[in-house]
Amino acid sequence: MRFGRIATPDGLCFAVVEGDGDATVCREIEGTPFTEPSFTGRQWPLKEVRLLAPSLPSKVVAIGRNYADHVAEVFKKSAESLPPTLFIKPNTAVIGPGAAIRIPEFATNVEFEGELALVVGKPCKNISADDWKSVIRGFTIVNDVSSRDLQFADGQWARAKGIDTFCPLGPWMETDLDSIDTTNLPIKAHLTRDGSAETKQDSNSNQMIMNIGEIIEFITASITLLPGDVICTGSPAGTAPMEPGDFIEIEIPGIGRLGNPVERA
């Protein structure tokens, strides 16, 4: 089941997204996606609503340096000695599909990072790796936008990755956890510039250093996660600079595509 958060002519709501292509419809539900859905009876064609970020997280918890190919391309000579690391993006960085990534003047080397993301379904702490599906409501896509100049200048990553609009999320949340093979999942990112599209990231989750269960065990050993919180599982290789006027689209089979334009703040 796909849950989306949408803006309709009547306001904002959560909805189940059904169908494909022009036949896709959004069926409004009462409340949130964290319980069994109760439908209100109202629905709209997808083309008549605006998709928003599918979750309203209290925090976005991310794993950095978790893909062997990406660690090698970014950290180069020091890659072999760098383990995965944990950081947090503020919820003010979250935007939905189609919303603009806005780059401030002081961020001079900004890159996209297409990633698989998880949406937490219940309060959880000290979860074992084998039990990860019991606390995850669904999968979505995240673009962990990162200002490399600030990342390396500051040493810690809060400013480089936490700037407003630097966490596009969507297009919806896929709740059929068994439909996604997280051990062998293609992840692609496409950059369109001056009307020409080029695939930059073209990798696979088999490059993960820590798997999904290990990530959740690692995080919940120290941080309590709440319903709606988002976990970013790391970026594969192929990240590249982006600039105002570009369009970035992240593609993960079984989940969908997340696209955002880039503007100057």
Protein backbone atom coordinates (compact mmCIF):
# COMPACT_ATOMS: atom_id res chain seq x y z
CA MET A 1 0.00 0.00 0.00
CA ARG A 2 1.24 3.49 -0.85
CA PHE A 3 0.49 6.34 1.55
CA GLY A 4 0.92 9.93 0.48
CA ARG A 5 0.37 13.30 2.06
CA ILE A 6 -1.40 15.61 -0.35
CA ALA A 7 -2.65 19.14 -0.82
CA THR A 8 -6.17 19.11 -2.25
CA PRO A 9 -8.56 21.92 -3.15
CA ASP A 10 -10.05 21.38 0.34
CA GLY A 11 -6.83 21.29 2.38
CA LEU A 12 -4.13 18.83 3.47
CA CYS A 13 -4.63 15.15 4.25
CA PHE A 14 -3.10 11.70 4.12
CA ALA A 15 -4.28 9.40 1.38
CA VAL A 16 -3.79 5.95 -0.10
CA VAL A 17 -2.36 6.28 -3.60
CA GLU A 18 -3.75 3.67 -5.98
CA GLY A 19 -3.24 2.91 -9.66
CA ASP A 20 -0.62 3.93 -12.18
CA GLY A 21 -0.13 6.68 -14.73
CA ASP A 22 -3.09 8.86 -15.54
CA ALA A 23 -5.40 6.43 -13.68
CA THR A 24 -3.70 7.08 -10.31
CA VAL A 25 -6.10 8.26 -7.61
CA CYS A 26 -5.62 9.45 -4.02
CA ARG A 27 -8.20 8.15 -1.53
CA GLU A 28 -8.39 10.26 1.62
CA ILE A 29 -8.00 8.54 4.99
CA GLU A 30 -8.88 9.68 8.47
CA GLY A 31 -5.91 10.44 10.68
CA THR A 32 -2.42 9.22 9.77
CA PRO A 33 -0.90 6.18 8.01
CA PHE A 34 0.32 4.66 11.29
CA THR A 35 -2.89 2.71 11.89
CA GLU A 36 -5.10 0.69 9.57
CA PRO A 37 -6.62 3.18 7.12
CA SER A 38 -10.20 4.31 7.44
CA PHE A 39 -11.39 5.93 4.22
CA THR A 40 -13.49 9.09 4.23
CA GLY A 41 -15.02 8.42 0.82
CA ARG A 42 -13.34 11.40 -0.81
CA GLN A 43 -10.80 10.91 -3.58
CA TRP A 44 -9.01 12.88 -6.29
CA PRO A 45 -7.01 12.03 -9.41
CA LEU A 46 -3.31 12.37 -8.62
CA LYS A 47 -2.95 15.01 -11.33
CA GLU A 48 -5.42 17.25 -9.46
CA VAL A 49 -3.53 17.29 -6.14
CA ARG A 50 -0.01 18.16 -5.03
CA LEU A 51 2.14 15.55 -3.36
CA LEU A 52 3.87 16.68 -0.16
CA ALA A 53 6.54 14.93 1.89
CA PRO A 54 4.82 11.69 2.98
CA SER A 55 5.86 12.09 6.61
CA LEU A 56 6.17 14.88 9.17
CA PRO A 57 9.22 13.65 11.10
CA SER A 58 10.30 14.98 14.46
CA LYS A 59 13.82 14.26 13.16
CA VAL A 60 15.61 12.75 10.20
CA VAL A 61 18.33 10.36 11.34
CA ALA A 62 20.92 9.47 8.73
CA ILE A 63 23.82 7.11 8.28
CA GLY A 64 26.83 8.57 6.50
CA ARG A 65 29.69 6.66 4.90
CA ASN A 66 27.54 3.53 4.57
CA TYR A 67 28.18 2.67 0.91
CA ALA A 68 31.63 1.35 0.07
CA ASP A 69 31.65 2.89 -3.43
CA HIS A 70 30.57 6.33 -2.16
CA VAL A 71 33.08 6.37 0.71
CA ALA A 72 35.84 5.67 -1.79
CA GLU A 73 34.80 8.48 -4.14
CA VAL A 74 34.33 11.18 -1.47
CA PHE A 75 36.91 10.37 1.20
CA LYS A 76 39.51 8.77 -1.10
CA LYS A 77 42.74 7.86 0.73
CA SER A 78 41.11 7.82 4.17
CA ALA A 79 38.16 5.67 3.04
CA GLU A 80 39.38 2.37 4.46
CA SER A 81 39.72 3.77 7.97
CA LEU A 82 36.33 5.52 8.10
CA PRO A 83 33.40 3.56 9.58
CA PRO A 84 29.74 4.55 9.05
CA THR A 85 28.69 7.56 11.10
CA LEU A 86 25.43 8.99 12.44
CA PHE A 87 24.03 12.49 11.91
CA ILE A 88 20.68 14.27 12.08
CA LYS A 89 18.96 16.56 9.58
CA PRO A 90 16.38 18.94 11.11
CA ASN A 91 12.76 18.56 10.08
CA THR A 92 12.89 22.12 8.68
CA ALA A 93 15.04 20.73 5.86
CA VAL A 94 12.21 18.45 4.65
CA ILE A 95 10.37 19.30 1.43
CA GLY A 96 8.14 17.25 -0.84
CA PRO A 97 8.22 16.21 -4.49
CA GLY A 98 8.43 19.09 -6.92
CA ALA A 99 9.40 21.63 -4.27
CA ALA A 100 12.56 23.60 -4.97
CA ILE A 101 15.92 22.84 -3.40
CA ARG A 102 17.15 26.36 -2.63
CA ILE A 103 20.91 26.87 -2.44
CA PRO A 104 22.16 29.84 -0.37
CA GLU A 105 25.10 31.92 -1.57
CA PHE A 106 27.41 30.62 1.17
CA ALA A 107 27.05 26.99 0.01
CA THR A 108 29.38 26.76 -2.99
CA ASN A 109 29.68 23.04 -3.72
CA VAL A 110 26.28 21.39 -3.24
CA GLU A 111 25.68 17.78 -4.29
CA PHE A 112 22.66 15.49 -4.42
CA GLU A 113 22.63 12.08 -2.71
CA GLY A 114 19.84 9.70 -3.71
CA GLU A 115 19.03 7.23 -0.93
CA LEU A 116 16.57 4.64 0.31
CA ALA A 117 14.73 5.96 3.37
CA LEU A 118 12.63 4.29 6.06
CA VAL A 119 9.63 5.76 7.88
CA VAL A 120 9.27 4.72 11.52
CA GLY A 121 5.85 3.37 12.46
CA LYS A 122 5.92 3.25 16.26
CA PRO A 123 7.98 4.56 19.20
CA CYS A 124 11.06 2.38 19.48
CA LYS A 125 14.27 2.02 21.45
CA ASN A 126 16.87 -0.77 21.62
CA ILE A 127 15.54 -2.69 18.63
CA SER A 128 17.51 -5.77 17.57
CA ALA A 129 18.59 -6.06 13.94
CA ASP A 130 16.32 -9.05 13.36
CA ASP A 131 13.23 -7.14 14.51
CA TRP A 132 13.59 -4.08 12.27
CA LYS A 133 10.38 -4.75 10.29
CA SER A 134 8.33 -4.57 13.48
CA VAL A 135 9.01 -0.83 13.85
CA ILE A 136 9.17 0.38 10.23
CA ARG A 137 5.96 1.51 8.54
CA GLY A 138 7.34 1.87 5.03
CA PHE A 139 9.97 2.83 2.49
CA THR A 140 10.38 6.13 0.71
CA ILE A 141 13.08 8.06 -1.16
CA VAL A 142 15.27 10.84 0.19
CA ASN A 143 17.71 13.24 -1.42
CA ASP A 144 20.34 13.93 1.24
CA VAL A 145 21.46 17.26 -0.23
CA SER A 146 24.94 18.11 1.03
CA SER A 147 27.16 21.16 0.79
CA ARG A 148 30.60 19.55 0.48
CA ASP A 149 32.47 22.80 1.09
CA LEU A 150 30.73 23.30 4.45
CA GLN A 151 30.93 19.58 5.30
CA PHE A 152 34.71 19.51 5.10
CA ALA A 153 35.24 23.03 6.46
CA ASP A 154 33.09 22.48 9.56
CA GLY A 155 34.21 18.94 10.36
CA GLN A 156 30.74 18.01 11.62
CA TRP A 157 27.87 17.86 9.15
CA ALA A 158 24.92 19.68 10.74
CA ARG A 159 25.15 22.88 8.69
CA ALA A 160 26.21 21.21 5.44
CA LYS A 161 23.27 18.82 5.40
CA GLY A 162 20.69 20.68 7.48
CA ILE A 163 20.06 23.80 5.40
CA ASP A 164 16.39 24.54 4.70
CA THR A 165 15.11 22.46 1.72
CA PHE A 166 18.12 20.09 1.85
CA CYS A 167 15.96 17.00 2.54
CA PRO A 168 13.53 16.26 -0.33
CA LEU A 169 11.34 13.30 0.63
CA GLY A 170 8.79 11.25 -1.29
CA PRO A 171 6.92 10.73 -3.49
CA TRP A 172 5.00 8.50 -1.06
CA MET A 173 5.54 5.69 1.45
CA GLU A 174 5.41 2.05 0.34
CA THR A 175 4.26 -0.12 3.26
CA ASP A 176 4.70 -3.57 1.70
CA LEU A 177 8.11 -4.19 3.27
CA ASP A 178 8.43 -7.65 1.75
CA SER A 179 8.06 -6.25 -1.77
CA ILE A 180 11.44 -4.48 -1.58
CA ASP A 181 14.68 -6.49 -1.53
CA THR A 182 16.86 -4.16 0.50
CA THR A 183 19.92 -6.36 -0.14
CA ASN A 184 19.78 -5.93 -3.92
CA LEU A 185 18.00 -2.68 -4.73
CA PRO A 186 19.01 -0.45 -7.68
CA ILE A 187 19.30 3.25 -6.83
CA LYS A 188 19.67 5.87 -9.55
CA ALA A 189 19.86 9.65 -9.68
CA HIS A 190 19.34 11.65 -12.86
CA LEU A 191 20.57 15.22 -13.37
CA THR A 192 18.88 17.40 -16.00
CA ARG A 193 20.81 20.52 -17.01
CA ASP A 194 20.04 22.80 -19.94
CA GLY A 195 17.49 20.29 -21.20
CA SER A 196 19.93 17.37 -21.22
CA ALA A 197 19.42 14.47 -18.77
CA GLU A 198 22.29 12.34 -17.49
CA THR A 199 22.25 9.44 -15.04
CA LYS A 200 24.83 10.19 -12.34
CA GLN A 201 24.14 7.66 -9.60
CA ASP A 202 23.67 4.10 -10.83
CA SER A 203 24.42 1.77 -7.95
CA ASN A 204 22.84 -0.82 -5.71
CA SER A 205 22.08 -1.38 -2.03
CA ASN A 206 24.45 -4.36 -2.14
CA GLN A 207 27.16 -1.73 -1.56
CA MET A 208 25.82 -1.09 1.96
CA ILE A 209 28.31 -1.59 4.79
CA MET A 210 25.62 -1.74 7.51
CA ASN A 211 22.38 -3.41 6.42
CA ILE A 212 18.90 -2.17 7.33
CA GLY A 213 18.61 -4.18 10.53
CA GLU A 214 22.07 -3.16 11.69
CA ILE A 215 21.29 0.50 11.01
CA ILE A 216 18.14 0.40 13.14
CA GLU A 217 19.88 -1.46 15.96
CA PHE A 218 22.73 1.08 15.86
CA ILE A 219 20.44 4.10 15.93
CA THR A 220 17.96 2.88 18.55
CA ALA A 221 20.73 1.94 20.95
CA SER A 222 21.13 5.65 21.60
CA ILE A 223 18.12 7.49 20.11
CA THR A 224 14.40 6.91 20.63
CA LEU A 225 12.57 7.00 17.32
CA LEU A 226 8.98 8.22 17.00
CA PRO A 227 6.23 7.54 14.47
CA GLY A 228 6.96 9.48 11.30
CA ASP A 229 10.68 9.81 11.93
CA VAL A 230 12.78 9.15 8.84
CA ILE A 231 15.95 7.08 8.59
CA CYS A 232 18.30 7.71 5.65
CA THR A 233 20.30 4.58 4.91
CA GLY A 234 23.26 6.10 3.07
CA SER A 235 24.19 7.22 -0.40
CA PRO A 236 25.81 5.12 -3.10
CA ALA A 237 28.46 6.45 -5.47
CA GLY A 238 27.82 8.91 -8.28
CA THR A 239 26.88 12.02 -6.33
CA ALA A 240 27.64 15.19 -8.25
CA PRO A 241 27.39 18.97 -7.96
CA MET A 242 24.12 20.66 -8.82
CA GLU A 243 23.34 24.29 -9.52
CA PRO A 244 20.33 26.57 -9.90
CA GLY A 245 18.35 25.62 -12.99
CA ASP A 246 19.02 21.89 -12.62
CA PHE A 247 16.42 19.21 -11.97
CA ILE A 248 17.31 16.18 -9.82
CA GLU A 249 15.31 12.95 -9.94
CA ILE A 250 15.99 9.96 -7.68
CA GLU A 251 14.63 6.59 -8.86
CA ILE A 252 14.20 3.40 -6.79
CA PRO A 253 12.23 0.46 -8.30
CA GLY A 254 9.16 -0.53 -6.32
CA ILE A 255 8.96 2.87 -4.65
CA GLY A 256 8.95 5.48 -7.40
CA ARG A 257 10.67 8.68 -8.44
CA LEU A 258 11.41 11.81 -6.42
CA GLY A 259 12.07 14.91 -8.50
CA ASN A 260 12.99 18.45 -7.44
CA PRO A 261 14.15 21.60 -9.23
CA VAL A 262 17.13 23.56 -7.96
CA GLU A 263 17.00 27.32 -7.33
CA ARG A 264 19.13 30.03 -5.76
CA ALA A 265 17.87 30.92 -2.27
